[in-house]
Amino acid sequence: MEFPEDVREEVGYSLYWAQKGDKHFSVKPLKGFKGAGVLEVVEDYKTNTYRVVYTVAFKESVYVLHAFQKKSKHGIATPKKEIDLIEARFKLAQEDYDRRKK
């Protein structure tokens, strides 16, 4: 909710596409993460960049793994601490999905 309204709307629309089983044109696989089921939405707003990472790796489910404002001044790569957090949340999503499936 801390993202600007315009960013929230764009991200929300991208997640809507994911829920329908499709991919919005602005979505791409997350670099630095193993597996094509983890995707990111990157939105630039004014002088800031916002990223939302989600997965569609689980049938009929979309899990938002992380949402953050990119603050690094060193290129476009996702910082390792963010990748580590995404990996941990992916594992939690897997556990949640397995539990719900039973």
N, C-alpha and C. Protein backbone atom coordinates (compact mmCIF):
# COMPACT_ATOMS: atom_id res chain seq x y z
N MET A 1 0.82 -1.20 0.00
CA MET A 1 0.00 0.00 0.00
C MET A 1 0.86 1.26 0.00
N GLU A 2 2.16 1.12 0.24
CA GLU A 2 3.03 2.29 0.27
C GLU A 2 3.46 2.73 -1.12
N PHE A 3 3.19 1.93 -2.13
CA PHE A 3 3.52 2.31 -3.50
C PHE A 3 2.57 3.41 -3.97
N PRO A 4 3.00 4.24 -4.90
CA PRO A 4 2.09 5.24 -5.47
C PRO A 4 0.88 4.55 -6.12
N GLU A 5 -0.23 5.24 -6.13
CA GLU A 5 -1.46 4.65 -6.66
C GLU A 5 -1.31 4.16 -8.10
N ASP A 6 -0.64 4.94 -8.95
CA ASP A 6 -0.45 4.53 -10.35
C ASP A 6 0.32 3.21 -10.44
N VAL A 7 1.31 3.04 -9.60
CA VAL A 7 2.10 1.81 -9.57
C VAL A 7 1.23 0.64 -9.09
N ARG A 8 0.47 0.86 -8.04
CA ARG A 8 -0.41 -0.19 -7.52
C ARG A 8 -1.41 -0.64 -8.57
N GLU A 9 -1.93 0.29 -9.34
CA GLU A 9 -2.90 -0.07 -10.39
C GLU A 9 -2.25 -0.93 -11.48
N GLU A 10 -1.06 -0.55 -11.91
CA GLU A 10 -0.36 -1.32 -12.95
C GLU A 10 0.01 -2.71 -12.46
N VAL A 11 0.51 -2.79 -11.23
CA VAL A 11 0.86 -4.08 -10.66
C VAL A 11 -0.40 -4.94 -10.50
N GLY A 12 -1.44 -4.34 -10.01
CA GLY A 12 -2.70 -5.06 -9.84
C GLY A 12 -3.23 -5.61 -11.15
N TYR A 13 -3.10 -4.84 -12.20
CA TYR A 13 -3.55 -5.30 -13.52
C TYR A 13 -2.69 -6.47 -13.99
N SER A 14 -1.40 -6.41 -13.75
CA SER A 14 -0.51 -7.52 -14.11
C SER A 14 -0.86 -8.78 -13.33
N LEU A 15 -1.17 -8.63 -12.05
CA LEU A 15 -1.55 -9.78 -11.24
C LEU A 15 -2.91 -10.34 -11.68
N TYR A 16 -3.79 -9.48 -12.12
CA TYR A 16 -5.08 -9.92 -12.67
C TYR A 16 -4.85 -10.84 -13.86
N TRP A 17 -3.94 -10.45 -14.76
CA TRP A 17 -3.61 -11.29 -15.92
C TRP A 17 -3.08 -12.64 -15.45
N ALA A 18 -2.23 -12.62 -14.44
CA ALA A 18 -1.66 -13.87 -13.93
C ALA A 18 -2.75 -14.78 -13.37
N GLN A 19 -3.71 -14.20 -12.67
CA GLN A 19 -4.82 -14.99 -12.13
C GLN A 19 -5.66 -15.61 -13.23
N LYS A 20 -5.71 -14.98 -14.36
CA LYS A 20 -6.47 -15.51 -15.49
C LYS A 20 -5.65 -16.52 -16.30
N GLY A 21 -4.39 -16.75 -15.89
CA GLY A 21 -3.55 -17.72 -16.57
C GLY A 21 -2.78 -17.16 -17.74
N ASP A 22 -2.64 -15.85 -17.79
CA ASP A 22 -1.93 -15.19 -18.88
C ASP A 22 -0.82 -14.32 -18.31
N LYS A 23 -0.07 -13.69 -19.19
CA LYS A 23 1.04 -12.85 -18.73
C LYS A 23 0.93 -11.48 -19.38
N HIS A 24 0.93 -10.46 -18.57
CA HIS A 24 0.90 -9.08 -19.06
C HIS A 24 2.21 -8.80 -19.78
N PHE A 25 2.17 -7.92 -20.77
CA PHE A 25 3.36 -7.64 -21.58
C PHE A 25 4.53 -7.07 -20.78
N SER A 26 4.26 -6.48 -19.63
CA SER A 26 5.34 -5.87 -18.84
C SER A 26 6.01 -6.84 -17.86
N VAL A 27 5.53 -8.07 -17.82
CA VAL A 27 6.05 -9.07 -16.89
C VAL A 27 7.18 -9.85 -17.55
N LYS A 28 8.22 -10.14 -16.74
CA LYS A 28 9.34 -10.92 -17.26
C LYS A 28 9.86 -11.85 -16.17
N PRO A 29 10.57 -12.90 -16.57
CA PRO A 29 11.15 -13.79 -15.55
C PRO A 29 12.15 -13.02 -14.68
N LEU A 30 12.20 -13.37 -13.41
CA LEU A 30 13.11 -12.71 -12.49
C LEU A 30 14.52 -13.22 -12.74
N LYS A 31 15.43 -12.33 -13.07
CA LYS A 31 16.83 -12.69 -13.25
C LYS A 31 17.45 -12.98 -11.89
N GLY A 32 18.33 -13.96 -11.87
CA GLY A 32 18.99 -14.29 -10.63
C GLY A 32 18.23 -15.29 -9.79
N PHE A 33 17.12 -15.79 -10.33
CA PHE A 33 16.33 -16.78 -9.60
C PHE A 33 16.16 -17.99 -10.49
N LYS A 34 16.35 -19.17 -9.92
CA LYS A 34 16.23 -20.38 -10.70
C LYS A 34 14.76 -20.72 -10.94
N GLY A 35 14.44 -21.02 -12.16
CA GLY A 35 13.08 -21.42 -12.49
C GLY A 35 12.29 -20.32 -13.16
N ALA A 36 11.54 -20.70 -14.16
CA ALA A 36 10.78 -19.73 -14.94
C ALA A 36 9.45 -19.37 -14.31
N GLY A 37 9.09 -20.03 -13.22
CA GLY A 37 7.80 -19.75 -12.59
C GLY A 37 7.81 -18.55 -11.67
N VAL A 38 8.94 -17.86 -11.55
CA VAL A 38 9.04 -16.67 -10.72
C VAL A 38 9.20 -15.47 -11.65
N LEU A 39 8.25 -14.56 -11.56
CA LEU A 39 8.17 -13.44 -12.49
C LEU A 39 8.20 -12.12 -11.73
N GLU A 40 8.52 -11.06 -12.47
CA GLU A 40 8.52 -9.75 -11.83
C GLU A 40 7.85 -8.71 -12.71
N VAL A 41 7.23 -7.77 -12.02
CA VAL A 41 6.67 -6.58 -12.65
C VAL A 41 7.56 -5.43 -12.21
N VAL A 42 8.07 -4.68 -13.16
CA VAL A 42 8.90 -3.52 -12.86
C VAL A 42 8.17 -2.29 -13.34
N GLU A 43 7.96 -1.36 -12.44
CA GLU A 43 7.26 -0.12 -12.77
C GLU A 43 8.12 1.07 -12.36
N ASP A 44 8.36 1.94 -13.30
CA ASP A 44 9.05 3.19 -13.01
C ASP A 44 8.01 4.27 -12.78
N TYR A 45 8.23 5.05 -11.74
CA TYR A 45 7.32 6.15 -11.43
C TYR A 45 8.15 7.32 -10.94
N LYS A 46 8.06 8.40 -11.68
CA LYS A 46 8.90 9.58 -11.42
C LYS A 46 10.36 9.12 -11.44
N THR A 47 11.07 9.26 -10.36
CA THR A 47 12.49 8.87 -10.37
C THR A 47 12.72 7.55 -9.64
N ASN A 48 11.68 6.82 -9.32
CA ASN A 48 11.80 5.59 -8.55
C ASN A 48 11.42 4.37 -9.38
N THR A 49 11.93 3.22 -8.97
CA THR A 49 11.58 1.95 -9.60
C THR A 49 11.00 1.04 -8.54
N TYR A 50 9.87 0.43 -8.87
CA TYR A 50 9.17 -0.48 -7.97
C TYR A 50 9.12 -1.85 -8.61
N ARG A 51 9.28 -2.88 -7.78
CA ARG A 51 9.26 -4.25 -8.28
C ARG A 51 8.32 -5.09 -7.44
N VAL A 52 7.57 -5.93 -8.11
CA VAL A 52 6.73 -6.91 -7.44
C VAL A 52 7.08 -8.26 -8.05
N VAL A 53 7.41 -9.22 -7.19
CA VAL A 53 7.81 -10.55 -7.63
C VAL A 53 6.73 -11.53 -7.20
N TYR A 54 6.32 -12.37 -8.13
CA TYR A 54 5.30 -13.37 -7.82
C TYR A 54 5.62 -14.67 -8.53
N THR A 55 4.91 -15.73 -8.13
CA THR A 55 5.10 -17.01 -8.78
C THR A 55 3.78 -17.59 -9.25
N VAL A 56 3.87 -18.27 -10.37
CA VAL A 56 2.73 -19.01 -10.93
C VAL A 56 3.12 -20.49 -11.03
N ALA A 57 4.08 -20.89 -10.20
CA ALA A 57 4.60 -22.26 -10.26
C ALA A 57 3.62 -23.29 -9.71
N PHE A 58 2.59 -22.84 -9.03
CA PHE A 58 1.65 -23.76 -8.40
C PHE A 58 0.29 -23.66 -9.10
N LYS A 59 -0.25 -24.79 -9.48
CA LYS A 59 -1.49 -24.84 -10.26
C LYS A 59 -2.61 -24.04 -9.59
N GLU A 60 -3.22 -23.19 -10.39
CA GLU A 60 -4.37 -22.37 -9.98
C GLU A 60 -4.07 -21.45 -8.80
N SER A 61 -2.82 -21.06 -8.63
CA SER A 61 -2.45 -20.18 -7.53
C SER A 61 -1.42 -19.15 -8.00
N VAL A 62 -1.56 -17.95 -7.48
CA VAL A 62 -0.58 -16.90 -7.70
C VAL A 62 -0.15 -16.43 -6.31
N TYR A 63 1.14 -16.53 -6.04
CA TYR A 63 1.67 -16.07 -4.76
C TYR A 63 2.56 -14.86 -5.01
N VAL A 64 2.25 -13.75 -4.35
CA VAL A 64 3.13 -12.59 -4.39
C VAL A 64 4.21 -12.84 -3.34
N LEU A 65 5.45 -12.84 -3.79
CA LEU A 65 6.57 -13.19 -2.92
C LEU A 65 7.24 -11.97 -2.30
N HIS A 66 7.23 -10.86 -3.02
CA HIS A 66 7.92 -9.68 -2.50
C HIS A 66 7.52 -8.46 -3.31
N ALA A 67 7.45 -7.32 -2.65
CA ALA A 67 7.20 -6.04 -3.31
C ALA A 67 8.13 -5.03 -2.66
N PHE A 68 8.88 -4.32 -3.49
CA PHE A 68 9.85 -3.39 -2.92
C PHE A 68 10.19 -2.28 -3.90
N GLN A 69 10.70 -1.20 -3.33
CA GLN A 69 11.21 -0.09 -4.13
C GLN A 69 12.70 -0.33 -4.29
N LYS A 70 13.16 -0.39 -5.50
CA LYS A 70 14.58 -0.63 -5.75
C LYS A 70 15.34 0.66 -5.46
N LYS A 71 16.31 0.55 -4.57
CA LYS A 71 17.06 1.74 -4.17
C LYS A 71 18.53 1.66 -4.56
N SER A 72 18.96 0.53 -5.09
CA SER A 72 20.36 0.36 -5.44
C SER A 72 20.77 1.31 -6.54
N LYS A 73 21.94 1.85 -6.40
CA LYS A 73 22.49 2.73 -7.43
C LYS A 73 23.48 1.98 -8.32
N HIS A 74 23.59 0.67 -8.12
CA HIS A 74 24.57 -0.14 -8.84
C HIS A 74 23.88 -1.02 -9.88
N GLY A 75 23.39 -0.44 -10.94
CA GLY A 75 22.81 -1.22 -12.02
C GLY A 75 21.40 -1.67 -11.75
N ILE A 76 20.93 -2.59 -12.60
CA ILE A 76 19.54 -3.03 -12.52
C ILE A 76 19.39 -4.39 -11.84
N ALA A 77 20.49 -5.02 -11.48
CA ALA A 77 20.43 -6.34 -10.86
C ALA A 77 19.68 -6.28 -9.53
N THR A 78 18.92 -7.34 -9.25
CA THR A 78 18.23 -7.44 -7.97
C THR A 78 19.25 -7.77 -6.90
N PRO A 79 19.31 -6.99 -5.82
CA PRO A 79 20.29 -7.24 -4.76
C PRO A 79 20.14 -8.64 -4.15
N LYS A 80 21.25 -9.21 -3.72
CA LYS A 80 21.26 -10.56 -3.18
C LYS A 80 20.33 -10.70 -1.98
N LYS A 81 20.26 -9.70 -1.12
CA LYS A 81 19.38 -9.81 0.05
C LYS A 81 17.91 -9.94 -0.38
N GLU A 82 17.56 -9.30 -1.49
CA GLU A 82 16.18 -9.41 -1.99
C GLU A 82 15.96 -10.80 -2.59
N ILE A 83 16.94 -11.32 -3.32
CA ILE A 83 16.84 -12.67 -3.89
C ILE A 83 16.71 -13.70 -2.77
N ASP A 84 17.50 -13.55 -1.70
CA ASP A 84 17.42 -14.46 -0.56
C ASP A 84 16.04 -14.44 0.07
N LEU A 85 15.46 -13.27 0.22
CA LEU A 85 14.11 -13.14 0.77
C LEU A 85 13.09 -13.79 -0.14
N ILE A 86 13.22 -13.59 -1.44
CA ILE A 86 12.30 -14.19 -2.41
C ILE A 86 12.39 -15.72 -2.35
N GLU A 87 13.61 -16.25 -2.27
CA GLU A 87 13.79 -17.70 -2.16
C GLU A 87 13.13 -18.25 -0.90
N ALA A 88 13.29 -17.56 0.22
CA ALA A 88 12.67 -18.01 1.47
C ALA A 88 11.16 -17.98 1.37
N ARG A 89 10.62 -16.95 0.77
CA ARG A 89 9.16 -16.85 0.62
C ARG A 89 8.63 -17.85 -0.39
N PHE A 90 9.43 -18.18 -1.40
CA PHE A 90 9.03 -19.21 -2.35
C PHE A 90 8.87 -20.55 -1.63
N LYS A 91 9.80 -20.86 -0.73
CA LYS A 91 9.70 -22.09 0.05
C LYS A 91 8.44 -22.09 0.91
N LEU A 92 8.13 -20.95 1.52
CA LEU A 92 6.91 -20.84 2.32
C LEU A 92 5.66 -21.01 1.45
N ALA A 93 5.70 -20.46 0.25
CA ALA A 93 4.58 -20.62 -0.68
C ALA A 93 4.40 -22.09 -1.05
N GLN A 94 5.51 -22.79 -1.29
CA GLN A 94 5.45 -24.23 -1.59
C GLN A 94 4.81 -24.99 -0.45
N GLU A 95 5.22 -24.69 0.78
CA GLU A 95 4.64 -25.34 1.97
C GLU A 95 3.15 -25.04 2.08
N ASP A 96 2.77 -23.79 1.86
CA ASP A 96 1.36 -23.40 1.94
C ASP A 96 0.54 -24.12 0.88
N TYR A 97 1.07 -24.15 -0.33
CA TYR A 97 0.38 -24.81 -1.44
C TYR A 97 0.19 -26.31 -1.13
N ASP A 98 1.25 -26.96 -0.67
CA ASP A 98 1.18 -28.39 -0.33
C ASP A 98 0.15 -28.64 0.76
N ARG A 99 0.13 -27.77 1.76
CA ARG A 99 -0.83 -27.91 2.86
C ARG A 99 -2.26 -27.75 2.36
N ARG A 100 -2.50 -26.78 1.50
CA ARG A 100 -3.85 -26.52 0.98
C ARG A 100 -4.31 -27.62 0.04
N LYS A 101 -3.37 -28.23 -0.66
CA LYS A 101 -3.68 -29.27 -1.63
C LYS A 101 -4.21 -30.54 -0.93
N LYS A 102 -3.78 -30.76 0.30
CA LYS A 102 -4.18 -31.97 1.02
C LYS A 102 -5.61 -31.97 1.44
